[in-house]
Amino acid sequence: SRILANRDALADHLREFPGVEPYPSATNFLLVKLPVENAGSIVQRLAERGVYVRFFGTPAWGLTNCLRVSIGAPEENEIFAAELEHALREAGAEV
């Protein structure tokens, strides 16, 4: 399906960023591990720029420094990737 192809394309794109690790997914969203101490600050930076994702930083679940993003159209996924790169740079990550 288109959504799965868009998901795989976004995951491939995100893997190009050092330290960014999208987990395998069979759904219409990606769980993404970030190369920063506080993924919550990245989620907040994204929200301030109009990009809304969900923060996952629950050690009890084995998840730290992660966010979850729903898969959109290719144009929406590109906006997300660009804004994520911007937010990571602002936070001092090398991407």
PDB file of N, CA and C in Angstrom:
ATOM      1  N   SER A   1       0.840  -1.187   0.000  1.00  0.00           N
ATOM      2  CA  SER A   1       0.000   0.000   0.000  1.00  0.00           C
ATOM      3  C   SER A   1       0.879   1.243   0.000  1.00  0.00           C
ATOM      4  N   ARG A   2       0.267   2.363  -0.323  1.00  0.00           N
ATOM      5  CA  ARG A   2       0.995   3.637  -0.367  1.00  0.00           C
ATOM      6  C   ARG A   2       1.541   4.024   0.997  1.00  0.00           C
ATOM      7  N   ILE A   3       0.741   3.816   2.036  1.00  0.00           N
ATOM      8  CA  ILE A   3       1.179   4.209   3.379  1.00  0.00           C
ATOM      9  C   ILE A   3       2.428   3.422   3.778  1.00  0.00           C
ATOM     10  N   LEU A   4       2.442   2.134   3.501  1.00  0.00           N
ATOM     11  CA  LEU A   4       3.605   1.325   3.863  1.00  0.00           C
ATOM     12  C   LEU A   4       4.832   1.733   3.063  1.00  0.00           C
ATOM     13  N   ALA A   5       4.646   2.054   1.792  1.00  0.00           N
ATOM     14  CA  ALA A   5       5.765   2.532   0.975  1.00  0.00           C
ATOM     15  C   ALA A   5       6.277   3.867   1.503  1.00  0.00           C
ATOM     16  N   ASN A   6       5.352   4.761   1.900  1.00  0.00           N
ATOM     17  CA  ASN A   6       5.751   6.050   2.473  1.00  0.00           C
ATOM     18  C   ASN A   6       6.490   5.849   3.796  1.00  0.00           C
ATOM     19  N   ARG A   7       6.020   4.900   4.606  1.00  0.00           N
ATOM     20  CA  ARG A   7       6.676   4.600   5.882  1.00  0.00           C
ATOM     21  C   ARG A   7       8.104   4.134   5.648  1.00  0.00           C
ATOM     22  N   ASP A   8       8.272   3.209   4.712  1.00  0.00           N
ATOM     23  CA  ASP A   8       9.603   2.675   4.442  1.00  0.00           C
ATOM     24  C   ASP A   8      10.531   3.749   3.891  1.00  0.00           C
ATOM     25  N   ALA A   9       9.999   4.626   3.037  1.00  0.00           N
ATOM     26  CA  ALA A   9      10.809   5.720   2.488  1.00  0.00           C
ATOM     27  C   ALA A   9      11.236   6.681   3.593  1.00  0.00           C
ATOM     28  N   LEU A  10      10.322   6.999   4.510  1.00  0.00           N
ATOM     29  CA  LEU A  10      10.667   7.889   5.617  1.00  0.00           C
ATOM     30  C   LEU A  10      11.709   7.232   6.521  1.00  0.00           C
ATOM     31  N   ALA A  11      11.537   5.966   6.836  1.00  0.00           N
ATOM     32  CA  ALA A  11      12.513   5.260   7.678  1.00  0.00           C
ATOM     33  C   ALA A  11      13.894   5.280   7.028  1.00  0.00           C
ATOM     34  N   ASP A  12      13.956   5.033   5.732  1.00  0.00           N
ATOM     35  CA  ASP A  12      15.238   5.068   5.020  1.00  0.00           C
ATOM     36  C   ASP A  12      15.868   6.456   5.106  1.00  0.00           C
ATOM     37  N   HIS A  13      15.049   7.489   4.928  1.00  0.00           N
ATOM     38  CA  HIS A  13      15.540   8.874   4.999  1.00  0.00           C
ATOM     39  C   HIS A  13      16.081   9.175   6.395  1.00  0.00           C
ATOM     40  N   LEU A  14      15.354   8.786   7.428  1.00  0.00           N
ATOM     41  CA  LEU A  14      15.774   9.080   8.797  1.00  0.00           C
ATOM     42  C   LEU A  14      17.060   8.346   9.166  1.00  0.00           C
ATOM     43  N   ARG A  15      17.281   7.179   8.590  1.00  0.00           N
ATOM     44  CA  ARG A  15      18.511   6.425   8.867  1.00  0.00           C
ATOM     45  C   ARG A  15      19.753   7.155   8.359  1.00  0.00           C
ATOM     46  N   GLU A  16      19.564   8.118   7.463  1.00  0.00           N
ATOM     47  CA  GLU A  16      20.688   8.912   6.959  1.00  0.00           C
ATOM     48  C   GLU A  16      21.212   9.875   8.019  1.00  0.00           C
ATOM     49  N   PHE A  17      20.424  10.174   9.050  1.00  0.00           N
ATOM     50  CA  PHE A  17      20.843  11.083  10.115  1.00  0.00           C
ATOM     51  C   PHE A  17      21.626  10.280  11.155  1.00  0.00           C
ATOM     52  N   PRO A  18      22.865  10.677  11.461  1.00  0.00           N
ATOM     53  CA  PRO A  18      23.653   9.932  12.447  1.00  0.00           C
ATOM     54  C   PRO A  18      22.931   9.816  13.792  1.00  0.00           C
ATOM     55  N   GLY A  19      22.865   8.602  14.294  1.00  0.00           N
ATOM     56  CA  GLY A  19      22.275   8.370  15.604  1.00  0.00           C
ATOM     57  C   GLY A  19      20.764   8.276  15.635  1.00  0.00           C
ATOM     58  N   VAL A  20      20.101   8.534  14.520  1.00  0.00           N
ATOM     59  CA  VAL A  20      18.638   8.425  14.453  1.00  0.00           C
ATOM     60  C   VAL A  20      18.310   7.001  14.018  1.00  0.00           C
ATOM     61  N   GLU A  21      17.495   6.326  14.814  1.00  0.00           N
ATOM     62  CA  GLU A  21      17.217   4.910  14.575  1.00  0.00           C
ATOM     63  C   GLU A  21      15.717   4.633  14.555  1.00  0.00           C
ATOM     64  N   PRO A  22      15.118   4.543  13.354  1.00  0.00           N
ATOM     65  CA  PRO A  22      13.719   4.121  13.301  1.00  0.00           C
ATOM     66  C   PRO A  22      13.631   2.611  13.540  1.00  0.00           C
ATOM     67  N   TYR A  23      12.720   2.223  14.407  1.00  0.00           N
ATOM     68  CA  TYR A  23      12.525   0.804  14.680  1.00  0.00           C
ATOM     69  C   TYR A  23      11.668   0.188  13.572  1.00  0.00           C
ATOM     70  N   PRO A  24      11.844  -1.108  13.304  1.00  0.00           N
ATOM     71  CA  PRO A  24      10.989  -1.774  12.313  1.00  0.00           C
ATOM     72  C   PRO A  24       9.517  -1.618  12.693  1.00  0.00           C
ATOM     73  N   SER A  25       8.674  -1.462  11.686  1.00  0.00           N
ATOM     74  CA  SER A  25       7.254  -1.225  11.935  1.00  0.00           C
ATOM     75  C   SER A  25       6.405  -1.947  10.902  1.00  0.00           C
ATOM     76  N   ALA A  26       5.263  -2.436  11.355  1.00  0.00           N
ATOM     77  CA  ALA A  26       4.271  -3.022  10.456  1.00  0.00           C
ATOM     78  C   ALA A  26       3.001  -2.182  10.491  1.00  0.00           C
ATOM     79  N   THR A  27       3.116  -0.947  10.978  1.00  0.00           N
ATOM     80  CA  THR A  27       1.953  -0.085  11.183  1.00  0.00           C
ATOM     81  C   THR A  27       2.093   1.204  10.378  1.00  0.00           C
ATOM     82  N   ASN A  28       1.169   2.129  10.610  1.00  0.00           N
ATOM     83  CA  ASN A  28       1.188   3.405   9.896  1.00  0.00           C
ATOM     84  C   ASN A  28       1.932   4.484  10.691  1.00  0.00           C
ATOM     85  N   PHE A  29       2.818   4.071  11.577  1.00  0.00           N
ATOM     86  CA  PHE A  29       3.656   5.033  12.286  1.00  0.00           C
ATOM     87  C   PHE A  29       5.043   4.433  12.497  1.00  0.00           C
ATOM     88  N   LEU A  30       5.985   5.315  12.844  1.00  0.00           N
ATOM     89  CA  LEU A  30       7.343   4.891  13.159  1.00  0.00           C
ATOM     90  C   LEU A  30       7.696   5.302  14.575  1.00  0.00           C
ATOM     91  N   LEU A  31       8.356   4.428  15.274  1.00  0.00           N
ATOM     92  CA  LEU A  31       8.970   4.747  16.551  1.00  0.00           C
ATOM     93  C   LEU A  31      10.434   5.020  16.233  1.00  0.00           C
ATOM     94  N   VAL A  32      10.919   6.195  16.650  1.00  0.00           N
ATOM     95  CA  VAL A  32      12.247   6.650  16.246  1.00  0.00           C
ATOM     96  C   VAL A  32      13.075   6.994  17.479  1.00  0.00           C
ATOM     97  N   LYS A  33      14.221   6.352  17.621  1.00  0.00           N
ATOM     98  CA  LYS A  33      15.154   6.678  18.704  1.00  0.00           C
ATOM     99  C   LYS A  33      16.034   7.834  18.241  1.00  0.00           C
ATOM    100  N   LEU A  34      16.217   8.830  19.131  1.00  0.00           N
ATOM    101  CA  LEU A  34      16.969  10.034  18.791  1.00  0.00           C
ATOM    102  C   LEU A  34      18.315  10.066  19.508  1.00  0.00           C
ATOM    103  N   PRO A  35      19.307  10.751  18.917  1.00  0.00           N
ATOM    104  CA  PRO A  35      20.650  10.801  19.497  1.00  0.00           C
ATOM    105  C   PRO A  35      20.837  11.957  20.483  1.00  0.00           C
ATOM    106  N   VAL A  36      19.862  12.167  21.341  1.00  0.00           N
ATOM    107  CA  VAL A  36      19.927  13.256  22.317  1.00  0.00           C
ATOM    108  C   VAL A  36      19.532  12.712  23.685  1.00  0.00           C
ATOM    109  N   GLU A  37      19.951  13.425  24.724  1.00  0.00           N
ATOM    110  CA  GLU A  37      19.612  13.021  26.092  1.00  0.00           C
ATOM    111  C   GLU A  37      18.119  13.157  26.363  1.00  0.00           C
ATOM    112  N   ASN A  38      17.516  14.215  25.815  1.00  0.00           N
ATOM    113  CA  ASN A  38      16.128  14.538  26.146  1.00  0.00           C
ATOM    114  C   ASN A  38      15.282  14.646  24.878  1.00  0.00           C
ATOM    115  N   ALA A  39      14.682  13.530  24.485  1.00  0.00           N
ATOM    116  CA  ALA A  39      13.829  13.550  23.297  1.00  0.00           C
ATOM    117  C   ALA A  39      12.614  14.439  23.501  1.00  0.00           C
ATOM    118  N   GLY A  40      12.201  14.634  24.753  1.00  0.00           N
ATOM    119  CA  GLY A  40      11.065  15.511  25.026  1.00  0.00           C
ATOM    120  C   GLY A  40      11.306  16.922  24.536  1.00  0.00           C
ATOM    121  N   SER A  41      12.549  17.394  24.621  1.00  0.00           N
ATOM    122  CA  SER A  41      12.849  18.745  24.133  1.00  0.00           C
ATOM    123  C   SER A  41      12.723  18.817  22.614  1.00  0.00           C
ATOM    124  N   ILE A  42      13.043  17.740  21.926  1.00  0.00           N
ATOM    125  CA  ILE A  42      12.893  17.708  20.466  1.00  0.00           C
ATOM    126  C   ILE A  42      11.417  17.718  20.107  1.00  0.00           C
ATOM    127  N   VAL A  43      10.615  16.941  20.828  1.00  0.00           N
ATOM    128  CA  VAL A  43       9.167  16.923  20.595  1.00  0.00           C
ATOM    129  C   VAL A  43       8.598  18.322  20.791  1.00  0.00           C
ATOM    130  N   GLN A  44       9.062  19.021  21.822  1.00  0.00           N
ATOM    131  CA  GLN A  44       8.591  20.389  22.079  1.00  0.00           C
ATOM    132  C   GLN A  44       9.028  21.338  20.969  1.00  0.00           C
ATOM    133  N   ARG A  45      10.271  21.234  20.521  1.00  0.00           N
ATOM    134  CA  ARG A  45      10.753  22.090  19.428  1.00  0.00           C
ATOM    135  C   ARG A  45       9.936  21.851  18.160  1.00  0.00           C
ATOM    136  N   LEU A  46       9.633  20.594  17.882  1.00  0.00           N
ATOM    137  CA  LEU A  46       8.817  20.281  16.703  1.00  0.00           C
ATOM    138  C   LEU A  46       7.429  20.895  16.836  1.00  0.00           C
ATOM    139  N   ALA A  47       6.814  20.770  18.002  1.00  0.00           N
ATOM    140  CA  ALA A  47       5.469  21.323  18.216  1.00  0.00           C
ATOM    141  C   ALA A  47       5.471  22.834  18.029  1.00  0.00           C
ATOM    142  N   GLU A  48       6.526  23.498  18.488  1.00  0.00           N
ATOM    143  CA  GLU A  48       6.626  24.948  18.318  1.00  0.00           C
ATOM    144  C   GLU A  48       6.683  25.337  16.850  1.00  0.00           C
ATOM    145  N   ARG A  49       7.093  24.407  16.005  1.00  0.00           N
ATOM    146  CA  ARG A  49       7.179  24.658  14.564  1.00  0.00           C
ATOM    147  C   ARG A  49       6.002  24.028  13.810  1.00  0.00           C
ATOM    148  N   GLY A  50       4.988  23.583  14.553  1.00  0.00           N
ATOM    149  CA  GLY A  50       3.772  23.066  13.935  1.00  0.00           C
ATOM    150  C   GLY A  50       3.831  21.612  13.506  1.00  0.00           C
ATOM    151  N   VAL A  51       4.804  20.868  14.014  1.00  0.00           N
ATOM    152  CA  VAL A  51       4.942  19.446  13.689  1.00  0.00           C
ATOM    153  C   VAL A  51       4.673  18.666  14.971  1.00  0.00           C
ATOM    154  N   TYR A  52       3.621  17.870  14.955  1.00  0.00           N
ATOM    155  CA  TYR A  52       3.176  17.192  16.170  1.00  0.00           C
ATOM    156  C   TYR A  52       3.468  15.699  16.106  1.00  0.00           C
ATOM    157  N   VAL A  53       4.232  15.243  17.084  1.00  0.00           N
ATOM    158  CA  VAL A  53       4.589  13.841  17.229  1.00  0.00           C
ATOM    159  C   VAL A  53       4.356  13.471  18.688  1.00  0.00           C
ATOM    160  N   ARG A  54       4.492  12.203  18.986  1.00  0.00           N
ATOM    161  CA  ARG A  54       4.282  11.748  20.363  1.00  0.00           C
ATOM    162  C   ARG A  54       5.621  11.376  20.992  1.00  0.00           C
ATOM    163  N   PHE A  55       5.832  11.824  22.216  1.00  0.00           N
ATOM    164  CA  PHE A  55       7.055  11.530  22.960  1.00  0.00           C
ATOM    165  C   PHE A  55       6.954  10.154  23.604  1.00  0.00           C
ATOM    166  N   PHE A  56       7.991   9.354  23.443  1.00  0.00           N
ATOM    167  CA  PHE A  56       8.108   8.068  24.124  1.00  0.00           C
ATOM    168  C   PHE A  56       9.450   8.047  24.831  1.00  0.00           C
ATOM    169  N   GLY A  57       9.418   8.183  26.136  1.00  0.00           N
ATOM    170  CA  GLY A  57      10.634   8.155  26.925  1.00  0.00           C
ATOM    171  C   GLY A  57      10.391   7.408  28.211  1.00  0.00           C
ATOM    172  N   THR A  58       9.811   6.238  28.100  1.00  0.00           N
ATOM    173  CA  THR A  58       9.395   5.467  29.264  1.00  0.00           C
ATOM    174  C   THR A  58      10.357   4.306  29.495  1.00  0.00           C
ATOM    175  N   PRO A  59      11.317   4.470  30.426  1.00  0.00           N
ATOM    176  CA  PRO A  59      12.279   3.389  30.665  1.00  0.00           C
ATOM    177  C   PRO A  59      11.619   2.064  31.046  1.00  0.00           C
ATOM    178  N   ALA A  60      10.493   2.119  31.740  1.00  0.00           N
ATOM    179  CA  ALA A  60       9.811   0.882  32.137  1.00  0.00           C
ATOM    180  C   ALA A  60       9.394   0.060  30.918  1.00  0.00           C
ATOM    181  N   TRP A  61       9.183   0.732  29.786  1.00  0.00           N
ATOM    182  CA  TRP A  61       8.819   0.034  28.550  1.00  0.00           C
ATOM    183  C   TRP A  61      10.052  -0.311  27.725  1.00  0.00           C
ATOM    184  N   GLY A  62      11.222   0.057  28.234  1.00  0.00           N
ATOM    185  CA  GLY A  62      12.443  -0.162  27.470  1.00  0.00           C
ATOM    186  C   GLY A  62      12.659   0.894  26.405  1.00  0.00           C
ATOM    187  N   LEU A  63      11.927   1.986  26.493  1.00  0.00           N
ATOM    188  CA  LEU A  63      12.038   3.064  25.510  1.00  0.00           C
ATOM    189  C   LEU A  63      12.614   4.299  26.183  1.00  0.00           C
ATOM    190  N   THR A  64      13.667   4.827  25.609  1.00  0.00           N
ATOM    191  CA  THR A  64      14.203   6.099  26.073  1.00  0.00           C
ATOM    192  C   THR A  64      14.537   6.939  24.856  1.00  0.00           C
ATOM    193  N   ASN A  65      14.315   8.219  24.982  1.00  0.00           N
ATOM    194  CA  ASN A  65      14.672   9.160  23.921  1.00  0.00           C
ATOM    195  C   ASN A  65      14.065   8.800  22.570  1.00  0.00           C
ATOM    196  N   CYS A  66      12.783   8.474  22.575  1.00  0.00           N
ATOM    197  CA  CYS A  66      12.090   8.104  21.344  1.00  0.00           C
ATOM    198  C   CYS A  66      10.910   9.028  21.088  1.00  0.00           C
ATOM    199  N   LEU A  67      10.534   9.098  19.829  1.00  0.00           N
ATOM    200  CA  LEU A  67       9.284   9.737  19.455  1.00  0.00           C
ATOM    201  C   LEU A  67       8.565   8.823  18.483  1.00  0.00           C
ATOM    202  N   ARG A  68       7.261   9.049  18.365  1.00  0.00           N
ATOM    203  CA  ARG A  68       6.451   8.291  17.410  1.00  0.00           C
ATOM    204  C   ARG A  68       5.833   9.276  16.447  1.00  0.00           C
ATOM    205  N   VAL A  69       5.950   8.987  15.172  1.00  0.00           N
ATOM    206  CA  VAL A  69       5.392   9.854  14.139  1.00  0.00           C
ATOM    207  C   VAL A  69       4.468   9.030  13.249  1.00  0.00           C
ATOM    208  N   SER A  70       3.300   9.588  12.959  1.00  0.00           N
ATOM    209  CA  SER A  70       2.374   8.958  12.019  1.00  0.00           C
ATOM    210  C   SER A  70       2.859   9.223  10.605  1.00  0.00           C
ATOM    211  N   ILE A  71       2.621   8.271   9.738  1.00  0.00           N
ATOM    212  CA  ILE A  71       3.053   8.393   8.356  1.00  0.00           C
ATOM    213  C   ILE A  71       2.043   9.228   7.584  1.00  0.00           C
ATOM    214  N   GLY A  72       2.560  10.181   6.819  1.00  0.00           N
ATOM    215  CA  GLY A  72       1.706  11.029   5.999  1.00  0.00           C
ATOM    216  C   GLY A  72       2.045  10.851   4.531  1.00  0.00           C
ATOM    217  N   ALA A  73       1.617  11.823   3.746  1.00  0.00           N
ATOM    218  CA  ALA A  73       1.974  11.864   2.331  1.00  0.00           C
ATOM    219  C   ALA A  73       3.471  12.152   2.221  1.00  0.00           C
ATOM    220  N   PRO A  74       4.088  11.841   1.093  1.00  0.00           N
ATOM    221  CA  PRO A  74       5.527  12.089   0.953  1.00  0.00           C
ATOM    222  C   PRO A  74       5.929  13.525   1.300  1.00  0.00           C
ATOM    223  N   GLU A  75       5.115  14.497   0.898  1.00  0.00           N
ATOM    224  CA  GLU A  75       5.435  15.898   1.185  1.00  0.00           C
ATOM    225  C   GLU A  75       5.420  16.160   2.691  1.00  0.00           C
ATOM    226  N   GLU A  76       4.468  15.579   3.397  1.00  0.00           N
ATOM    227  CA  GLU A  76       4.388  15.742   4.852  1.00  0.00           C
ATOM    228  C   GLU A  76       5.571  15.066   5.544  1.00  0.00           C
ATOM    229  N   ASN A  77       5.946  13.903   5.052  1.00  0.00           N
ATOM    230  CA  ASN A  77       7.083  13.189   5.628  1.00  0.00           C
ATOM    231  C   ASN A  77       8.379  13.969   5.427  1.00  0.00           C
ATOM    232  N   GLU A  78       8.514  14.623   4.272  1.00  0.00           N
ATOM    233  CA  GLU A  78       9.700  15.443   4.014  1.00  0.00           C
ATOM    234  C   GLU A  78       9.751  16.638   4.955  1.00  0.00           C
ATOM    235  N   ILE A  79       8.595  17.253   5.201  1.00  0.00           N
ATOM    236  CA  ILE A  79       8.542  18.373   6.155  1.00  0.00           C
ATOM    237  C   ILE A  79       8.971  17.887   7.532  1.00  0.00           C
ATOM    238  N   PHE A  80       8.435  16.750   7.955  1.00  0.00           N
ATOM    239  CA  PHE A  80       8.816  16.197   9.255  1.00  0.00           C
ATOM    240  C   PHE A  80      10.319  15.965   9.324  1.00  0.00           C
ATOM    241  N   ALA A  81      10.891  15.317   8.309  1.00  0.00           N
ATOM    242  CA  ALA A  81      12.324  15.007   8.327  1.00  0.00           C
ATOM    243  C   ALA A  81      13.157  16.286   8.389  1.00  0.00           C
ATOM    244  N   ALA A  82      12.771  17.298   7.623  1.00  0.00           N
ATOM    245  CA  ALA A  82      13.512  18.564   7.630  1.00  0.00           C
ATOM    246  C   ALA A  82      13.407  19.250   8.985  1.00  0.00           C
ATOM    247  N   GLU A  83      12.217  19.255   9.565  1.00  0.00           N
ATOM    248  CA  GLU A  83      12.029  19.894  10.874  1.00  0.00           C
ATOM    249  C   GLU A  83      12.740  19.111  11.976  1.00  0.00           C
ATOM    250  N   LEU A  84      12.756  17.789  11.870  1.00  0.00           N
ATOM    251  CA  LEU A  84      13.489  16.981  12.846  1.00  0.00           C
ATOM    252  C   LEU A  84      14.978  17.295  12.762  1.00  0.00           C
ATOM    253  N   GLU A  85      15.501  17.353  11.555  1.00  0.00           N
ATOM    254  CA  GLU A  85      16.918  17.690  11.385  1.00  0.00           C
ATOM    255  C   GLU A  85      17.223  19.057  12.002  1.00  0.00           C
ATOM    256  N   HIS A  86      16.360  20.033  11.747  1.00  0.00           N
ATOM    257  CA  HIS A  86      16.528  21.382  12.306  1.00  0.00           C
ATOM    258  C   HIS A  86      16.513  21.342  13.836  1.00  0.00           C
ATOM    259  N   ALA A  87      15.547  20.642  14.411  1.00  0.00           N
ATOM    260  CA  ALA A  87      15.420  20.563  15.871  1.00  0.00           C
ATOM    261  C   ALA A  87      16.629  19.861  16.488  1.00  0.00           C
ATOM    262  N   LEU A  88      17.116  18.815  15.841  1.00  0.00           N
ATOM    263  CA  LEU A  88      18.287  18.111  16.361  1.00  0.00           C
ATOM    264  C   LEU A  88      19.523  19.007  16.316  1.00  0.00           C
ATOM    265  N   ARG A  89      19.673  19.759  15.229  1.00  0.00           N
ATOM    266  CA  ARG A  89      20.808  20.696  15.139  1.00  0.00           C
ATOM    267  C   ARG A  89      20.725  21.749  16.239  1.00  0.00           C
ATOM    268  N   GLU A  90      19.519  22.282  16.455  1.00  0.00           N
ATOM    269  CA  GLU A  90      19.334  23.276  17.519  1.00  0.00           C
ATOM    270  C   GLU A  90      19.708  22.704  18.883  1.00  0.00           C
ATOM    271  N   ALA A  91      19.479  21.415  19.062  1.00  0.00           N
ATOM    272  CA  ALA A  91      19.777  20.757  20.338  1.00  0.00           C
ATOM    273  C   ALA A  91      21.246  20.345  20.452  1.00  0.00           C
ATOM    274  N   GLY A  92      22.013  20.595  19.401  1.00  0.00           N
ATOM    275  CA  GLY A  92      23.439  20.291  19.441  1.00  0.00           C
ATOM    276  C   GLY A  92      23.828  18.932  18.908  1.00  0.00           C
ATOM    277  N   ALA A  93      22.877  18.196  18.344  1.00  0.00           N
ATOM    278  CA  ALA A  93      23.197  16.892  17.762  1.00  0.00           C
ATOM    279  C   ALA A  93      23.861  17.099  16.404  1.00  0.00           C
ATOM    280  N   GLU A  94      24.750  16.211  16.048  1.00  0.00           N
ATOM    281  CA  GLU A  94      25.397  16.275  14.739  1.00  0.00           C
ATOM    282  C   GLU A  94      24.593  15.439  13.756  1.00  0.00           C
ATOM    283  N   VAL A  95      23.885  16.114  12.875  1.00  0.00           N
ATOM    284  CA  VAL A  95      23.086  15.420  11.856  1.00  0.00           C
ATOM    285  C   VAL A  95      23.456  15.912  10.480  1.00  0.00           C
TER     286      VAL A  95
END
